[in-house]
Amino acid sequence: MTAATLACATVGETFGQRVTFDAKSIRDFAAASGDFNPLHHDEDVARASAFGALIASGTHVSALMMGLTATHYSRRCAPLGLEFTLRFVRAVRAGTTLDLRWTLIGLTPKPSLRGHLAKLNGSASDDAGVVHVQSDALLLLRPLEAT
């Protein structure tokens, strides 16, 4: 099995989605994940903060970015997330739309795991190109018949 024969992934490919973080989704996700920081729930507290508005929890943005990798690759192979590193560069204020984007930068055969290790770089940027989150990921990609 070589990187050239991996049917579900190609080095250099990019994929992504646009997500708008409105006040309701920020509150709902924070509550569902057990994060009751008032910056995610209380308009008055958030407005008086350095951010000036409700902000999304890091867990919210992280979950969407990680989920995007699983959704993308599960259409053609069996993915398994092994590592994610995220750096929160800028708070995501309510009303912000981000372009979540991943690029596959490397594929290494891993015969002992019956698949390939896939290295990805990711980011979440607004329409002005300002990066809010930077990320790296390591996935195991297996052919569907190997699961």
N, C-alpha and C. Protein backbone atom coordinates (compact mmCIF):
# COMPACT_ATOMS: atom_id res chain seq x y z
N MET A 1 0.86 -1.17 0.00
CA MET A 1 0.00 0.00 0.00
C MET A 1 0.91 1.24 0.00
N THR A 2 0.80 2.09 -0.99
CA THR A 2 1.59 3.32 -1.05
C THR A 2 0.67 4.52 -1.05
N ALA A 3 1.27 5.68 -0.79
CA ALA A 3 0.48 6.91 -0.79
C ALA A 3 -0.19 7.12 -2.14
N ALA A 4 0.47 6.70 -3.22
CA ALA A 4 -0.09 6.90 -4.56
C ALA A 4 -1.34 6.05 -4.79
N THR A 5 -1.52 4.96 -4.05
CA THR A 5 -2.67 4.09 -4.27
C THR A 5 -3.79 4.32 -3.26
N LEU A 6 -3.63 5.29 -2.38
CA LEU A 6 -4.68 5.57 -1.40
C LEU A 6 -5.81 6.30 -2.11
N ALA A 7 -6.93 5.61 -2.25
CA ALA A 7 -8.04 6.14 -3.05
C ALA A 7 -8.81 7.26 -2.38
N CYS A 8 -8.68 7.39 -1.08
CA CYS A 8 -9.54 8.35 -0.38
C CYS A 8 -8.86 9.66 -0.02
N ALA A 9 -7.59 9.84 -0.36
CA ALA A 9 -6.90 11.06 0.03
C ALA A 9 -5.75 11.34 -0.93
N THR A 10 -5.52 12.64 -1.17
CA THR A 10 -4.44 13.07 -2.05
C THR A 10 -3.70 14.22 -1.39
N VAL A 11 -2.39 14.10 -1.28
CA VAL A 11 -1.60 15.17 -0.71
C VAL A 11 -1.86 16.45 -1.51
N GLY A 12 -2.10 17.53 -0.80
CA GLY A 12 -2.40 18.81 -1.43
C GLY A 12 -3.87 19.14 -1.47
N GLU A 13 -4.72 18.14 -1.26
CA GLU A 13 -6.16 18.41 -1.29
C GLU A 13 -6.55 19.32 -0.14
N THR A 14 -7.54 20.16 -0.39
CA THR A 14 -8.10 21.02 0.65
C THR A 14 -9.60 20.80 0.71
N PHE A 15 -10.14 21.02 1.89
CA PHE A 15 -11.58 20.92 2.06
C PHE A 15 -11.98 21.81 3.23
N GLY A 16 -13.24 22.18 3.26
CA GLY A 16 -13.66 23.05 4.33
C GLY A 16 -15.15 23.31 4.33
N GLN A 17 -15.53 24.22 5.19
CA GLN A 17 -16.92 24.66 5.27
C GLN A 17 -16.96 26.03 5.94
N ARG A 18 -18.03 26.76 5.67
CA ARG A 18 -18.25 28.06 6.32
C ARG A 18 -19.24 27.88 7.45
N VAL A 19 -18.95 28.53 8.56
CA VAL A 19 -19.80 28.42 9.74
C VAL A 19 -20.00 29.83 10.31
N THR A 20 -21.26 30.16 10.60
CA THR A 20 -21.55 31.41 11.28
C THR A 20 -21.84 31.10 12.74
N PHE A 21 -21.18 31.82 13.61
CA PHE A 21 -21.32 31.64 15.05
C PHE A 21 -22.27 32.72 15.57
N ASP A 22 -23.56 32.40 15.59
CA ASP A 22 -24.53 33.36 16.12
C ASP A 22 -24.70 33.14 17.62
N ALA A 23 -25.35 34.08 18.28
CA ALA A 23 -25.48 34.02 19.75
C ALA A 23 -26.15 32.73 20.21
N LYS A 24 -27.19 32.30 19.51
CA LYS A 24 -27.89 31.08 19.92
C LYS A 24 -26.98 29.86 19.82
N SER A 25 -26.27 29.70 18.71
CA SER A 25 -25.40 28.53 18.57
C SER A 25 -24.28 28.56 19.60
N ILE A 26 -23.78 29.75 19.92
CA ILE A 26 -22.73 29.88 20.94
C ILE A 26 -23.25 29.43 22.30
N ARG A 27 -24.42 29.92 22.68
CA ARG A 27 -25.02 29.53 23.97
C ARG A 27 -25.33 28.03 24.00
N ASP A 28 -25.97 27.56 22.95
CA ASP A 28 -26.39 26.15 22.91
C ASP A 28 -25.20 25.20 22.99
N PHE A 29 -24.15 25.48 22.22
CA PHE A 29 -23.00 24.58 22.23
C PHE A 29 -22.30 24.64 23.59
N ALA A 30 -22.12 25.84 24.12
CA ALA A 30 -21.45 25.96 25.42
C ALA A 30 -22.23 25.19 26.50
N ALA A 31 -23.54 25.33 26.50
CA ALA A 31 -24.36 24.61 27.49
C ALA A 31 -24.25 23.10 27.29
N ALA A 32 -24.34 22.65 26.05
CA ALA A 32 -24.27 21.21 25.77
C ALA A 32 -22.93 20.61 26.17
N SER A 33 -21.87 21.42 26.11
CA SER A 33 -20.55 20.90 26.46
C SER A 33 -20.17 21.18 27.92
N GLY A 34 -21.11 21.76 28.68
CA GLY A 34 -20.86 21.99 30.10
C GLY A 34 -20.01 23.21 30.39
N ASP A 35 -19.92 24.13 29.44
CA ASP A 35 -19.11 25.34 29.61
C ASP A 35 -20.05 26.51 29.93
N PHE A 36 -20.08 26.90 31.18
CA PHE A 36 -20.99 27.96 31.61
C PHE A 36 -20.26 29.27 31.90
N ASN A 37 -19.14 29.48 31.24
CA ASN A 37 -18.45 30.75 31.31
C ASN A 37 -19.42 31.83 30.82
N PRO A 38 -19.62 32.89 31.59
CA PRO A 38 -20.59 33.92 31.17
C PRO A 38 -20.24 34.59 29.84
N LEU A 39 -18.99 34.51 29.40
CA LEU A 39 -18.63 35.08 28.10
C LEU A 39 -19.34 34.38 26.95
N HIS A 40 -19.87 33.18 27.22
CA HIS A 40 -20.60 32.42 26.20
C HIS A 40 -22.11 32.50 26.38
N HIS A 41 -22.57 33.10 27.46
CA HIS A 41 -24.00 33.07 27.79
C HIS A 41 -24.63 34.43 28.11
N ASP A 42 -23.90 35.29 28.75
CA ASP A 42 -24.47 36.52 29.30
C ASP A 42 -24.03 37.73 28.45
N GLU A 43 -24.98 38.29 27.70
CA GLU A 43 -24.70 39.43 26.81
C GLU A 43 -24.07 40.60 27.56
N ASP A 44 -24.59 40.91 28.75
CA ASP A 44 -24.09 42.06 29.50
C ASP A 44 -22.64 41.85 29.94
N VAL A 45 -22.35 40.68 30.48
CA VAL A 45 -20.98 40.37 30.91
C VAL A 45 -20.05 40.40 29.70
N ALA A 46 -20.47 39.78 28.62
CA ALA A 46 -19.63 39.71 27.42
C ALA A 46 -19.40 41.11 26.84
N ARG A 47 -20.42 41.91 26.79
CA ARG A 47 -20.31 43.27 26.24
C ARG A 47 -19.34 44.11 27.06
N ALA A 48 -19.32 43.91 28.37
CA ALA A 48 -18.43 44.66 29.25
C ALA A 48 -16.99 44.12 29.24
N SER A 49 -16.78 42.98 28.62
CA SER A 49 -15.45 42.36 28.59
C SER A 49 -14.59 42.99 27.48
N ALA A 50 -13.36 42.56 27.42
CA ALA A 50 -12.44 43.01 26.37
C ALA A 50 -12.93 42.60 24.97
N PHE A 51 -13.81 41.60 24.91
CA PHE A 51 -14.29 41.11 23.62
C PHE A 51 -15.47 41.91 23.08
N GLY A 52 -16.23 42.54 23.96
CA GLY A 52 -17.33 43.39 23.56
C GLY A 52 -18.57 42.69 23.07
N ALA A 53 -18.57 41.37 23.10
CA ALA A 53 -19.72 40.58 22.64
C ALA A 53 -19.54 39.14 23.12
N LEU A 54 -20.61 38.36 23.01
CA LEU A 54 -20.49 36.93 23.30
C LEU A 54 -19.39 36.35 22.41
N ILE A 55 -18.66 35.38 22.95
CA ILE A 55 -17.65 34.69 22.15
C ILE A 55 -17.89 33.19 22.22
N ALA A 56 -17.55 32.52 21.14
CA ALA A 56 -17.67 31.06 21.08
C ALA A 56 -16.61 30.43 21.98
N SER A 57 -16.96 29.32 22.59
CA SER A 57 -15.97 28.58 23.38
C SER A 57 -14.97 27.92 22.43
N GLY A 58 -13.76 27.72 22.93
CA GLY A 58 -12.76 27.01 22.13
C GLY A 58 -13.22 25.62 21.76
N THR A 59 -13.99 25.00 22.65
CA THR A 59 -14.52 23.66 22.40
C THR A 59 -15.44 23.67 21.18
N HIS A 60 -16.19 24.73 21.00
CA HIS A 60 -17.13 24.84 19.88
C HIS A 60 -16.38 24.82 18.55
N VAL A 61 -15.40 25.71 18.42
CA VAL A 61 -14.63 25.79 17.17
C VAL A 61 -13.84 24.50 16.96
N SER A 62 -13.24 23.98 18.03
CA SER A 62 -12.46 22.74 17.93
C SER A 62 -13.30 21.57 17.45
N ALA A 63 -14.47 21.42 18.02
CA ALA A 63 -15.35 20.30 17.64
C ALA A 63 -15.73 20.39 16.17
N LEU A 64 -16.04 21.58 15.70
CA LEU A 64 -16.40 21.73 14.29
C LEU A 64 -15.22 21.42 13.37
N MET A 65 -14.04 21.85 13.77
CA MET A 65 -12.87 21.57 12.93
C MET A 65 -12.54 20.08 12.91
N MET A 66 -12.58 19.44 14.08
CA MET A 66 -12.28 18.01 14.13
C MET A 66 -13.36 17.21 13.40
N GLY A 67 -14.60 17.58 13.62
CA GLY A 67 -15.70 16.88 12.95
C GLY A 67 -15.62 16.99 11.44
N LEU A 68 -15.13 18.11 10.95
CA LEU A 68 -14.99 18.30 9.51
C LEU A 68 -14.05 17.27 8.89
N THR A 69 -12.96 16.93 9.60
CA THR A 69 -12.04 15.93 9.06
C THR A 69 -12.72 14.56 8.98
N ALA A 70 -13.45 14.21 10.01
CA ALA A 70 -14.13 12.91 10.02
C ALA A 70 -15.19 12.84 8.92
N THR A 71 -15.96 13.89 8.78
CA THR A 71 -17.02 13.91 7.76
C THR A 71 -16.42 13.81 6.37
N HIS A 72 -15.39 14.59 6.11
CA HIS A 72 -14.78 14.60 4.78
C HIS A 72 -14.23 13.22 4.40
N TYR A 73 -13.43 12.63 5.28
CA TYR A 73 -12.78 11.37 4.92
C TYR A 73 -13.69 10.16 5.04
N SER A 74 -14.72 10.21 5.86
CA SER A 74 -15.58 9.02 6.01
C SER A 74 -16.44 8.76 4.78
N ARG A 75 -16.47 9.68 3.85
CA ARG A 75 -17.21 9.45 2.60
C ARG A 75 -16.51 8.42 1.72
N ARG A 76 -15.17 8.29 1.87
CA ARG A 76 -14.41 7.42 0.98
C ARG A 76 -13.52 6.41 1.69
N CYS A 77 -13.32 6.59 2.99
CA CYS A 77 -12.47 5.65 3.73
C CYS A 77 -12.87 5.69 5.20
N ALA A 78 -12.14 4.97 6.01
CA ALA A 78 -12.43 4.90 7.45
C ALA A 78 -11.39 5.73 8.19
N PRO A 79 -11.75 6.96 8.61
CA PRO A 79 -10.79 7.81 9.32
C PRO A 79 -10.84 7.61 10.83
N LEU A 80 -9.73 7.87 11.46
CA LEU A 80 -9.66 7.87 12.92
C LEU A 80 -8.72 8.99 13.33
N GLY A 81 -9.23 9.95 14.09
CA GLY A 81 -8.40 11.05 14.57
C GLY A 81 -7.44 10.56 15.64
N LEU A 82 -6.17 10.87 15.48
CA LEU A 82 -5.15 10.46 16.44
C LEU A 82 -4.62 11.64 17.27
N GLU A 83 -4.47 12.79 16.64
CA GLU A 83 -3.93 13.97 17.32
C GLU A 83 -4.50 15.23 16.69
N PHE A 84 -4.82 16.19 17.53
CA PHE A 84 -5.20 17.52 17.07
C PHE A 84 -4.51 18.53 17.97
N THR A 85 -3.86 19.51 17.38
CA THR A 85 -3.26 20.61 18.10
C THR A 85 -3.92 21.87 17.60
N LEU A 86 -4.44 22.66 18.52
CA LEU A 86 -5.13 23.89 18.13
C LEU A 86 -4.51 25.08 18.86
N ARG A 87 -4.39 26.17 18.15
CA ARG A 87 -3.92 27.42 18.74
C ARG A 87 -4.99 28.47 18.50
N PHE A 88 -5.52 29.00 19.58
CA PHE A 88 -6.57 30.01 19.49
C PHE A 88 -5.90 31.38 19.39
N VAL A 89 -5.98 31.97 18.21
CA VAL A 89 -5.29 33.21 17.90
C VAL A 89 -6.15 34.42 18.25
N ARG A 90 -7.45 34.29 17.99
CA ARG A 90 -8.36 35.42 18.18
C ARG A 90 -9.73 34.87 18.58
N ALA A 91 -10.39 35.57 19.49
CA ALA A 91 -11.72 35.14 19.93
C ALA A 91 -12.71 35.21 18.76
N VAL A 92 -13.67 34.29 18.77
CA VAL A 92 -14.72 34.26 17.75
C VAL A 92 -15.96 34.91 18.34
N ARG A 93 -16.21 36.13 17.93
CA ARG A 93 -17.34 36.89 18.45
C ARG A 93 -18.64 36.47 17.77
N ALA A 94 -19.73 36.61 18.50
CA ALA A 94 -21.06 36.32 17.93
C ALA A 94 -21.24 37.14 16.66
N GLY A 95 -21.76 36.48 15.64
CA GLY A 95 -21.98 37.12 14.35
C GLY A 95 -20.85 36.89 13.35
N THR A 96 -19.77 36.27 13.80
CA THR A 96 -18.61 36.02 12.93
C THR A 96 -18.86 34.77 12.08
N THR A 97 -18.52 34.87 10.80
CA THR A 97 -18.53 33.71 9.91
C THR A 97 -17.08 33.33 9.64
N LEU A 98 -16.77 32.06 9.85
CA LEU A 98 -15.42 31.57 9.63
C LEU A 98 -15.40 30.53 8.50
N ASP A 99 -14.31 30.55 7.77
CA ASP A 99 -14.03 29.53 6.77
C ASP A 99 -13.10 28.52 7.45
N LEU A 100 -13.64 27.34 7.77
CA LEU A 100 -12.83 26.27 8.36
C LEU A 100 -12.20 25.51 7.20
N ARG A 101 -10.89 25.40 7.18
CA ARG A 101 -10.20 24.84 6.03
C ARG A 101 -9.08 23.92 6.48
N TRP A 102 -8.98 22.76 5.83
CA TRP A 102 -7.90 21.80 6.08
C TRP A 102 -7.17 21.52 4.77
N THR A 103 -5.85 21.29 4.87
CA THR A 103 -5.03 20.87 3.73
C THR A 103 -4.25 19.63 4.15
N LEU A 104 -4.33 18.60 3.32
CA LEU A 104 -3.57 17.38 3.56
C LEU A 104 -2.14 17.62 3.09
N ILE A 105 -1.18 17.57 4.02
CA ILE A 105 0.21 17.89 3.69
C ILE A 105 1.12 16.67 3.65
N GLY A 106 0.65 15.52 4.11
CA GLY A 106 1.50 14.34 4.07
C GLY A 106 0.73 13.05 4.30
N LEU A 107 1.16 12.01 3.61
CA LEU A 107 0.61 10.66 3.78
C LEU A 107 1.77 9.70 3.94
N THR A 108 1.74 8.90 5.01
CA THR A 108 2.79 7.92 5.27
C THR A 108 2.15 6.56 5.47
N PRO A 109 2.54 5.57 4.66
CA PRO A 109 1.98 4.23 4.87
C PRO A 109 2.28 3.73 6.28
N LYS A 110 1.31 3.08 6.88
CA LYS A 110 1.47 2.51 8.23
C LYS A 110 0.91 1.09 8.18
N PRO A 111 1.66 0.14 7.62
CA PRO A 111 1.16 -1.23 7.45
C PRO A 111 0.71 -1.89 8.75
N SER A 112 1.37 -1.57 9.88
CA SER A 112 1.00 -2.20 11.14
C SER A 112 -0.41 -1.81 11.57
N LEU A 113 -0.90 -0.67 11.07
CA LEU A 113 -2.26 -0.21 11.38
C LEU A 113 -3.20 -0.37 10.19
N ARG A 114 -2.71 -1.01 9.14
CA ARG A 114 -3.49 -1.27 7.91
C ARG A 114 -4.05 0.00 7.29
N GLY A 115 -3.21 1.04 7.26
CA GLY A 115 -3.65 2.30 6.68
C GLY A 115 -2.51 3.27 6.46
N HIS A 116 -2.85 4.54 6.39
CA HIS A 116 -1.89 5.62 6.19
C HIS A 116 -2.07 6.66 7.30
N LEU A 117 -0.96 7.23 7.73
CA LEU A 117 -1.02 8.38 8.62
C LEU A 117 -1.12 9.62 7.74
N ALA A 118 -2.12 10.44 8.01
CA ALA A 118 -2.36 11.65 7.24
C ALA A 118 -2.09 12.86 8.12
N LYS A 119 -1.19 13.74 7.65
CA LYS A 119 -0.90 15.00 8.36
C LYS A 119 -1.65 16.11 7.67
N LEU A 120 -2.34 16.92 8.47
CA LEU A 120 -3.10 18.04 7.92
C LEU A 120 -2.77 19.33 8.66
N ASN A 121 -2.86 20.44 7.94
CA ASN A 121 -2.81 21.78 8.53
C ASN A 121 -4.19 22.38 8.37
N GLY A 122 -4.65 23.07 9.41
CA GLY A 122 -5.97 23.67 9.35
C GLY A 122 -5.98 25.08 9.88
N SER A 123 -7.04 25.79 9.50
CA SER A 123 -7.23 27.14 10.02
C SER A 123 -8.71 27.50 9.98
N ALA A 124 -9.05 28.49 10.77
CA ALA A 124 -10.38 29.07 10.77
C ALA A 124 -10.19 30.57 10.62
N SER A 125 -10.60 31.10 9.45
CA SER A 125 -10.36 32.50 9.13
C SER A 125 -11.66 33.21 8.80
N ASP A 126 -11.71 34.50 9.11
CA ASP A 126 -12.90 35.28 8.77
C ASP A 126 -12.81 35.80 7.34
N ASP A 127 -13.82 36.54 6.91
CA ASP A 127 -13.88 37.01 5.53
C ASP A 127 -12.78 38.01 5.19
N ALA A 128 -12.18 38.63 6.19
CA ALA A 128 -11.07 39.56 5.96
C ALA A 128 -9.73 38.82 5.92
N GLY A 129 -9.78 37.48 6.11
CA GLY A 129 -8.56 36.69 6.10
C GLY A 129 -7.87 36.61 7.45
N VAL A 130 -8.50 37.14 8.48
CA VAL A 130 -7.91 37.09 9.82
C VAL A 130 -8.08 35.68 10.39
N VAL A 131 -6.96 35.09 10.78
CA VAL A 131 -6.98 33.74 11.34
C VAL A 131 -7.40 33.80 12.80
N HIS A 132 -8.39 33.00 13.15
CA HIS A 132 -8.86 32.90 14.54
C HIS A 132 -8.31 31.64 15.20
N VAL A 133 -8.15 30.57 14.43
CA VAL A 133 -7.63 29.31 14.97
C VAL A 133 -6.68 28.69 13.96
N GLN A 134 -5.55 28.19 14.44
CA GLN A 134 -4.63 27.41 13.63
C GLN A 134 -4.60 26.00 14.19
N SER A 135 -4.46 25.01 13.31
CA SER A 135 -4.51 23.64 13.80
C SER A 135 -3.62 22.72 12.96
N ASP A 136 -3.19 21.66 13.60
CA ASP A 136 -2.52 20.54 12.94
C ASP A 136 -3.25 19.28 13.37
N ALA A 137 -3.28 18.30 12.48
CA ALA A 137 -3.97 17.05 12.80
C ALA A 137 -3.18 15.87 12.26
N LEU A 138 -3.36 14.75 12.93
CA LEU A 138 -2.83 13.48 12.47
C LEU A 138 -3.98 12.49 12.51
N LEU A 139 -4.29 11.92 11.35
CA LEU A 139 -5.38 10.95 11.23
C LEU A 139 -4.82 9.63 10.74
N LEU A 140 -5.51 8.57 11.08
CA LEU A 140 -5.26 7.27 10.45
C LEU A 140 -6.36 7.11 9.42
N LEU A 141 -5.97 6.89 8.17
CA LEU A 141 -6.94 6.65 7.10
C LEU A 141 -6.78 5.22 6.63
N ARG A 142 -7.87 4.48 6.70
CA ARG A 142 -7.87 3.09 6.24
C ARG A 142 -8.87 2.93 5.11
N PRO A 143 -8.58 2.02 4.18
CA PRO A 143 -9.60 1.69 3.18
C PRO A 143 -10.83 1.15 3.89
N LEU A 144 -11.99 1.38 3.33
CA LEU A 144 -13.23 0.92 3.97
C LEU A 144 -13.22 -0.58 4.25
N GLU A 145 -12.65 -1.35 3.37
CA GLU A 145 -12.66 -2.80 3.57
C GLU A 145 -11.71 -3.25 4.67
N ALA A 146 -10.86 -2.36 5.19
CA ALA A 146 -9.90 -2.73 6.25
C ALA A 146 -10.46 -2.51 7.66
N THR A 147 -11.68 -1.97 7.77
CA THR A 147 -12.19 -1.63 9.10
C THR A 147 -12.74 -2.82 9.85
